Protein backbone atom coordinates (compact mmCIF):
# COMPACT_ATOMS: atom_id res chain seq x y z
CA MET A 1 -10.20 17.00 23.89
CA SER A 2 -12.46 19.65 22.37
CA HIS A 3 -11.10 22.02 19.72
CA ASP A 4 -12.42 25.13 18.02
CA ILE A 5 -11.87 25.43 14.28
CA GLU A 6 -8.67 27.48 14.32
CA SER A 7 -9.08 29.28 11.03
CA MET A 8 -10.92 29.24 7.73
CA ALA A 9 -11.49 31.48 4.71
CA TYR A 10 -13.52 31.22 1.52
CA ARG A 11 -13.78 33.07 -1.79
CA TYR A 12 -16.79 35.41 -1.82
CA GLU A 13 -18.64 36.72 -4.88
CA ASP A 14 -22.22 37.06 -3.57
CA GLU A 15 -24.55 35.38 -1.06
CA SER A 16 -24.96 32.35 -3.33
CA SER A 17 -21.20 31.73 -3.22
CA LYS A 18 -21.11 31.14 0.51
CA PRO A 19 -19.64 27.66 1.07
CA TRP A 20 -21.86 24.79 2.14
CA HIS A 21 -20.44 24.72 5.70
CA ARG A 22 -21.23 28.44 6.27
CA LEU A 23 -17.97 28.84 8.17
CA GLY A 24 -14.92 31.03 7.70
CA VAL A 25 -13.89 34.54 6.67
CA PRO A 26 -15.01 35.77 3.21
CA ILE A 27 -12.23 37.00 0.91
CA ASN A 28 -12.16 38.46 -2.59
CA HIS A 29 -12.98 35.84 -5.23
CA ASP A 30 -9.76 36.59 -7.18
CA ALA A 31 -7.48 36.34 -4.11
CA THR A 32 -4.06 34.81 -4.68
CA PRO A 33 -2.99 31.66 -2.77
CA GLN A 34 -0.82 33.87 -0.53
CA GLU A 35 -3.77 36.17 0.24
CA MET A 36 -5.96 33.15 0.94
CA LEU A 37 -3.23 31.77 3.20
CA VAL A 38 -3.17 34.99 5.22
CA GLU A 39 -6.96 35.37 5.46
CA ALA A 40 -7.37 31.73 6.46
CA GLY A 41 -4.93 32.29 9.34
CA LEU A 42 -2.41 29.86 7.86
CA ASP A 43 0.47 32.27 7.24
CA TRP A 44 2.79 30.52 9.66
CA THR A 45 5.70 28.12 9.49
CA VAL A 46 6.70 25.03 11.44
CA SER A 47 10.13 23.91 12.55
CA LYS A 48 11.70 20.75 13.90
CA ARG A 49 13.26 21.37 17.28
CA PRO A 50 15.45 19.18 19.52
CA THR A 51 13.96 17.37 22.49
CA ARG A 52 15.58 16.65 25.82
CA ALA A 53 14.96 14.29 28.74
CA PRO A 54 15.82 14.79 32.44
CA ARG A 55 18.96 12.89 33.45
CA THR A 56 17.51 11.77 36.79
CA LEU A 57 14.09 10.83 38.14
CA PRO A 58 12.44 13.24 40.59
CA VAL A 59 12.78 12.36 44.26
CA GLY A 60 9.43 11.67 45.92
CA SER A 61 6.96 14.30 44.77
CA GLY A 62 9.72 16.65 43.66
CA GLU A 63 10.04 18.26 40.23
CA TRP A 64 12.11 17.09 37.28
CA ASP A 65 15.69 18.37 37.24
CA TRP A 66 16.33 19.97 33.84
CA SER A 67 19.72 21.42 34.73
CA SER A 68 21.60 18.59 33.02
CA ALA A 69 19.11 17.19 30.52
CA ILE A 70 19.96 14.57 27.93
CA LEU A 71 19.64 15.48 24.26
CA VAL A 72 17.40 12.96 22.46
CA ASP A 73 19.02 12.33 19.09
CA ASP A 74 16.27 10.50 17.22
CA PHE A 75 13.17 12.43 18.22
CA PHE A 76 12.16 16.05 17.71
CA ALA A 77 9.19 18.30 18.40
CA LEU A 78 7.28 19.82 15.49
CA VAL A 79 6.58 23.40 16.59
CA ARG A 80 4.51 26.23 15.09
CA ASP A 81 6.90 29.16 15.00
CA SER A 82 4.29 31.91 15.39
CA ASP A 83 3.28 30.91 18.91
CA ASN A 84 5.66 28.05 19.82
CA LYS A 85 2.77 25.61 19.95
CA VAL A 86 3.98 22.01 19.85
CA LEU A 87 2.00 20.21 17.13
CA GLY A 88 3.47 16.81 17.94
CA PRO A 89 6.61 14.64 17.87
CA CYS A 90 8.57 13.73 14.75
CA GLY A 91 11.60 11.68 13.76
CA LYS A 92 15.02 12.86 12.64
CA ASP A 93 14.30 12.20 8.96
CA TYR A 94 10.97 14.04 8.91
CA VAL A 95 10.95 17.07 6.60
CA PRO A 96 8.16 19.57 7.41
CA THR A 97 6.04 20.90 4.55
CA GLN A 98 5.36 24.60 4.98
CA ASN A 99 1.85 25.91 4.36
CA HIS A 100 2.98 28.34 1.65
CA GLN A 101 4.63 25.45 -0.21
CA ALA A 102 1.45 23.38 0.00
CA PHE A 103 -0.76 26.28 -1.17
CA GLU A 104 1.42 27.08 -4.15
CA PHE A 105 1.39 23.40 -5.08
CA PHE A 106 -2.40 23.20 -4.68
CA LYS A 107 -2.81 26.30 -6.90
CA LYS A 108 -0.78 24.85 -9.76
CA PHE A 109 -2.40 21.45 -9.35
CA CYS A 110 -5.86 23.03 -9.57
CA GLU A 111 -4.97 25.14 -12.59
CA SER A 112 -3.72 22.07 -14.44
CA GLY A 113 -6.88 20.14 -13.62
CA GLN A 114 -9.44 22.88 -14.28
CA MET A 115 -10.32 23.22 -10.59
CA ARG A 116 -10.61 26.27 -8.35
CA MET A 117 -9.46 26.64 -4.75
CA GLU A 118 -12.61 27.71 -2.90
CA THR A 119 -12.12 27.18 0.84
CA ALA A 120 -9.11 26.74 3.09
CA GLY A 121 -8.60 26.21 6.79
CA SER A 122 -7.04 24.21 9.59
CA LEU A 123 -8.39 21.70 12.08
CA GLN A 124 -7.24 19.96 15.24
CA GLY A 125 -5.11 22.81 16.55
CA GLY A 126 -3.34 23.43 13.23
CA THR A 127 -2.25 19.85 12.60
CA GLN A 128 -4.64 19.41 9.66
CA VAL A 129 -4.30 22.06 6.95
CA TRP A 130 -6.74 21.67 4.07
CA VAL A 131 -8.09 23.20 0.89
CA LEU A 132 -11.35 22.45 -0.93
CA ALA A 133 -11.19 22.89 -4.71
CA LYS A 134 -14.46 23.21 -6.58
CA LEU A 135 -14.92 21.11 -9.71
CA LEU A 136 -17.12 21.98 -12.66
CA MET A 137 -19.35 19.04 -11.79
CA THR A 138 -22.93 19.12 -10.55
CA PHE A 139 -26.24 17.34 -10.92
CA THR A 140 -29.74 17.92 -9.58
CA LEU A 141 -32.17 15.26 -8.37
CA PRO A 142 -35.97 15.65 -8.51
CA GLY A 143 -37.25 18.47 -6.34
CA GLY A 144 -34.15 20.64 -6.81
CA ASP A 145 -31.75 18.46 -4.81
CA GLU A 146 -28.34 19.70 -6.04
CA VAL A 147 -25.04 17.85 -5.56
CA ARG A 148 -21.61 19.35 -6.33
CA GLY A 149 -18.15 17.85 -6.73
CA TYR A 150 -14.95 18.94 -4.97
CA LEU A 151 -11.39 17.81 -4.36
CA LEU A 152 -10.17 17.92 -0.77
CA PHE A 153 -6.43 18.53 -0.35
CA ASN A 154 -4.96 17.74 3.08
CA SER A 155 -1.44 18.70 4.15
CA PRO A 156 -1.07 17.44 7.73
CA HIS A 157 1.58 18.56 10.18
CA VAL A 158 1.67 15.05 11.61
CA TRP A 159 4.62 12.69 11.69
CA GLY A 160 4.01 9.71 9.42
CA LYS A 161 1.25 11.43 7.42
CA SER A 162 1.67 12.84 3.94
CA LEU A 163 -0.39 14.90 1.52
CA THR A 164 -3.67 13.29 0.49
CA ILE A 165 -6.27 14.19 -2.10
CA LYS A 166 -9.87 12.96 -1.88
CA PHE A 167 -12.91 13.38 -4.08
CA VAL A 168 -15.82 14.88 -2.12
CA THR A 169 -19.48 15.28 -2.99
CA VAL A 170 -21.60 17.91 -1.25
CA ARG A 171 -25.41 17.85 -1.10
CA VAL A 172 -26.14 21.57 -1.14
CA VAL A 173 -29.50 21.58 0.69
CA CYS A 174 -28.04 20.18 3.90
CA ALA A 175 -24.25 20.32 3.36
CA ASN A 176 -23.84 16.55 3.73
CA THR A 177 -20.48 15.32 2.48
CA LEU A 178 -19.07 12.02 1.25
CA ALA A 179 -15.33 11.63 0.63
CA MET A 180 -13.94 8.98 -1.70
CA ALA A 181 -10.36 7.83 -2.11
CA MET A 182 -8.90 8.88 -5.45
CA GLY A 183 -7.34 5.44 -5.88
CA GLU A 184 -10.72 3.81 -6.44
CA SER A 185 -10.64 4.24 -10.20
CA LYS A 186 -11.72 1.29 -12.30
CA TYR A 187 -9.56 2.45 -15.18
CA GLY A 188 -5.86 3.05 -15.60
CA LYS A 189 -3.33 2.92 -12.78
CA GLY A 190 -5.40 4.86 -10.26
CA PHE A 191 -4.34 8.04 -8.52
CA ARG A 192 -1.01 8.48 -6.74
CA ALA A 193 -1.08 11.32 -4.25
CA PRO A 194 2.15 13.27 -4.86
CA HIS A 195 4.45 14.73 -2.27
CA VAL A 196 4.78 18.50 -2.35
CA ARG A 197 7.60 19.07 -4.78
CA ALA A 198 8.52 21.09 -7.84
CA PHE A 199 5.53 21.28 -10.15
CA ASP A 200 6.95 19.51 -13.18
CA SER A 201 5.36 17.82 -16.18
CA GLU A 202 4.90 14.60 -14.18
CA VAL A 203 2.81 16.35 -11.56
CA ALA A 204 0.84 18.14 -14.29
CA LYS A 205 -0.07 14.72 -15.67
CA GLU A 206 -1.14 13.62 -12.19
CA ALA A 207 -3.41 16.67 -11.97
CA GLU A 208 -4.95 15.78 -15.32
CA LEU A 209 -5.36 12.19 -14.15
CA SER A 210 -7.02 13.34 -10.94
CA LEU A 211 -9.61 15.28 -12.92
CA GLY A 212 -10.31 12.20 -15.03
CA ILE A 213 -10.73 10.00 -11.97
CA ALA A 214 -12.88 12.62 -10.23
CA THR A 215 -15.08 12.82 -13.34
CA GLU A 216 -15.42 9.04 -13.31
CA LEU A 217 -16.24 8.93 -9.58
CA PHE A 218 -18.73 11.77 -9.91
CA SER A 219 -20.49 10.00 -12.79
CA GLU A 220 -20.71 6.80 -10.76
CA PHE A 221 -21.93 8.71 -7.72
CA GLU A 222 -24.63 10.45 -9.77
CA ALA A 223 -25.86 7.17 -11.23
CA THR A 224 -26.11 5.60 -7.77
CA ALA A 225 -27.71 8.70 -6.24
CA ARG A 226 -30.38 8.76 -8.93
CA LYS A 227 -31.06 5.08 -8.26
CA LEU A 228 -31.33 5.65 -4.51
CA ALA A 229 -33.64 8.62 -5.08
CA SER A 230 -35.94 6.46 -7.23
CA VAL A 231 -36.20 3.58 -4.75
CA ARG A 232 -38.92 3.94 -2.14
CA VAL A 233 -38.22 1.94 0.98
CA ASP A 234 -40.35 0.42 3.71
CA PRO A 235 -39.87 2.01 7.17
CA GLU A 236 -38.84 -1.34 8.64
CA VAL A 237 -36.02 -1.58 6.08
CA VAL A 238 -34.80 1.85 7.17
CA VAL A 239 -34.68 0.63 10.78
CA ARG A 240 -32.60 -2.39 9.75
CA TYR A 241 -30.37 -0.18 7.61
CA VAL A 242 -29.60 2.16 10.51
CA ALA A 243 -29.01 -0.77 12.86
CA ASP A 244 -26.71 -2.39 10.30
CA ILE A 245 -24.55 0.75 10.18
CA PHE A 246 -24.55 1.84 13.83
CA GLN A 247 -25.53 -1.15 15.97
CA ASP A 248 -24.93 -4.41 14.14
CA SER A 249 -25.39 -6.38 17.36
CA LEU A 250 -29.14 -5.85 16.87
CA ILE A 251 -28.89 -7.36 13.39
CA GLU A 252 -27.02 -10.37 14.73
CA GLU A 253 -29.58 -10.67 17.53
CA GLN A 254 -32.39 -10.97 14.97
CA PHE A 255 -30.64 -12.73 12.07
CA GLY A 256 -28.02 -14.81 13.87
CA LYS A 257 -24.28 -14.51 14.52
CA SER A 258 -23.48 -15.80 11.03
CA PHE A 259 -25.25 -12.89 9.28
CA TYR A 260 -22.08 -10.93 8.50
CA LYS A 261 -20.26 -14.03 7.27
CA GLN A 262 -22.62 -14.21 4.30
CA ASP A 263 -22.17 -12.59 0.91
CA PRO A 264 -22.96 -8.83 1.14
CA MET A 265 -25.74 -9.12 -1.45
CA LYS A 266 -27.29 -11.96 0.55
CA GLN A 267 -27.17 -9.71 3.60
CA ALA A 268 -28.87 -6.94 1.62
CA SER A 269 -31.60 -9.37 0.49
CA LEU A 270 -32.35 -10.31 4.08
CA LEU A 271 -32.43 -6.67 5.18
CA VAL A 272 -35.12 -5.78 2.61
CA ASP A 273 -37.18 -8.99 2.91
CA VAL A 274 -40.65 -8.20 4.29
CA ASN A 275 -40.61 -11.54 6.09
CA SER A 276 -37.36 -10.83 7.91
CA PRO A 277 -37.36 -10.23 11.67
CA ARG A 278 -38.17 -6.74 12.94
CA VAL A 279 -35.56 -4.67 14.77
CA ASP A 280 -36.80 -2.97 17.94
CA THR A 281 -35.91 0.75 17.82
CA SER A 282 -36.34 0.98 21.59
CA LYS A 283 -33.03 -0.92 21.81
CA PHE A 284 -31.18 1.70 19.78
CA LYS A 285 -28.21 3.29 21.49
CA ARG A 286 -27.76 7.06 21.25
CA THR A 287 -25.88 7.07 17.92
CA ALA A 288 -28.40 4.83 16.14
CA TYR A 289 -31.31 6.68 17.74
CA ASP A 290 -30.05 10.12 16.63
CA ALA A 291 -29.28 8.91 13.12
CA PHE A 292 -32.72 7.33 12.78
CA ASN A 293 -34.44 10.48 14.03
CA SER A 294 -32.52 12.52 11.44
CA LEU A 295 -34.63 10.88 8.75
CA ASN A 296 -37.40 13.48 8.97
CA ARG A 297 -35.44 16.27 10.66
CA GLN A 298 -32.58 16.73 8.19
CA PRO A 299 -32.77 19.68 5.78
CA GLY A 300 -34.29 18.54 2.50
CA ALA A 301 -36.21 15.67 4.09
CA ASP A 302 -39.38 16.70 2.26
CA LEU A 303 -37.82 16.93 -1.21
CA GLU A 304 -39.12 14.59 -3.89
CA SER A 305 -35.76 12.83 -4.11
CA SER A 306 -35.57 12.29 -0.36
CA ALA A 307 -38.99 11.63 1.16
CA GLY A 308 -39.40 7.89 1.70
CA THR A 309 -36.42 6.95 -0.47
CA LEU A 310 -33.08 5.25 0.09
CA TRP A 311 -31.41 8.56 -0.81
CA GLY A 312 -33.18 10.18 2.13
CA SER A 313 -32.19 7.29 4.42
CA PHE A 314 -28.54 7.54 3.40
CA ASN A 315 -28.54 11.30 3.93
CA ALA A 316 -30.04 10.90 7.40
CA ILE A 317 -26.88 8.99 8.30
CA THR A 318 -24.54 11.49 6.64
CA TYR A 319 -26.36 14.40 8.29
CA TYR A 320 -25.91 12.76 11.68
CA CYS A 321 -22.20 12.15 11.02
CA ASP A 322 -21.54 15.66 9.69
CA PHE A 323 -23.61 17.78 12.07
CA LEU A 324 -24.97 15.93 15.10
CA ALA A 325 -22.10 13.69 16.16
CA GLY A 326 -19.11 15.14 17.98
CA ARG A 327 -18.88 17.89 20.55
CA ASP A 328 -17.86 20.72 18.21
CA ARG A 329 -17.45 21.56 14.52
CA ASP A 330 -13.70 20.95 14.58
CA ASN A 331 -14.08 17.35 15.71
CA ALA A 332 -17.10 16.86 13.44
CA LEU A 333 -15.30 18.01 10.29
CA THR A 334 -12.11 16.14 11.16
CA SER A 335 -13.94 12.88 11.75
CA SER A 336 -16.27 13.34 8.76
CA TRP A 337 -13.42 14.01 6.33
CA PHE A 338 -10.47 12.11 7.73
CA GLY A 339 -11.63 9.86 10.57
CA ALA A 340 -14.09 7.30 11.86
CA ARG A 341 -17.26 8.96 10.62
CA ALA A 342 -15.85 9.20 7.10
CA ALA A 343 -15.63 5.40 7.19
CA ILE A 344 -19.20 5.14 8.53
CA LYS A 345 -20.54 7.24 5.66
CA ALA A 346 -18.64 5.16 3.11
CA GLN A 347 -20.09 2.00 4.64
CA ALA A 348 -23.60 3.52 4.58
CA TRP A 349 -23.20 4.48 0.91
CA LYS A 350 -22.04 0.99 -0.06
CA ARG A 351 -24.90 -0.68 1.82
CA ALA A 352 -27.51 1.70 0.38
CA ALA A 353 -26.31 0.85 -3.14
CA GLN A 354 -26.63 -2.88 -2.34
CA LEU A 355 -30.15 -2.42 -0.97
CA ALA A 356 -31.15 -0.45 -4.07
CA GLU A 357 -29.83 -3.18 -6.34
CA VAL A 358 -31.78 -5.88 -4.47
CA ILE A 359 -35.00 -3.85 -4.39
CA GLY A 360 -34.65 -2.92 -8.03
CA ALA A 361 -34.28 -6.56 -8.99
CA LYS A 362 -37.57 -7.54 -7.36
């Protein structure tokens, strides 16, 4: 099913403050969470409503008889009250989180962690409500290639899903994004995404912890990005890299069925070896073909940090995932932040780092 992005708003100071995705309604930069909620089209509530089932089956091609329906005790419908849109089913113990509760929580969380709510919106028909908070973290690669850090808050109106917080990097020149789980910290206990609740001292500590973990992840990301930007890569390696991410059957065809049973660093060594078999790009399926062609078509392809480097190759994949894949921007953003293409980008990042390590060791 195709969706339009239901709603979105961003804080506006001047033209340079427009968000990387160039979407949404501009609002005053000092807007309150409630004002942001209204401008983003998220000033609505949800309620849990009873569900019923017909008592008898229709006869032949007849219609269902709802005159004596059975009340279903254990299942409810989660409904948006403003337009009675059914967002999905839910169980009897499910407690909906209202948007205004989530926004007030996000505000206090950001204030405790020295972050600023910048953009808010909803995806997938209102089931995914989100806020991007800008961090005071940035670095610039050679040629003016700027990368910024954000936290992505997600409060889904989906049964079985709870609030999540991810660390996100944004490459400004082309708006490519990469989301990382906040539990990937090497130090301490890692991050525990809290439920929306009273903002007490415990949650304030979690906000402080999140900033520490985000700082750590951003530092690690910068170090890897600088390494990728310094590693020039042979075109044939780029072909293998794209095939490895999007069409691994071609890798197995050339390297054998046991290729992916080997140690990941051994795999990386084979992918960069000049004596390794060539991968035929004419066998690329549409996804691999489009990602490969993004190499020289993506914004920023000619920057010093990107042209002919592993950083440019990685960003060709992220650009494809963020902007070329999917039938509309709603599906593209949802998949790139929360779905299958988020996993593809994470896989591409991990493999690029392995390739850089192998090349650097030669």
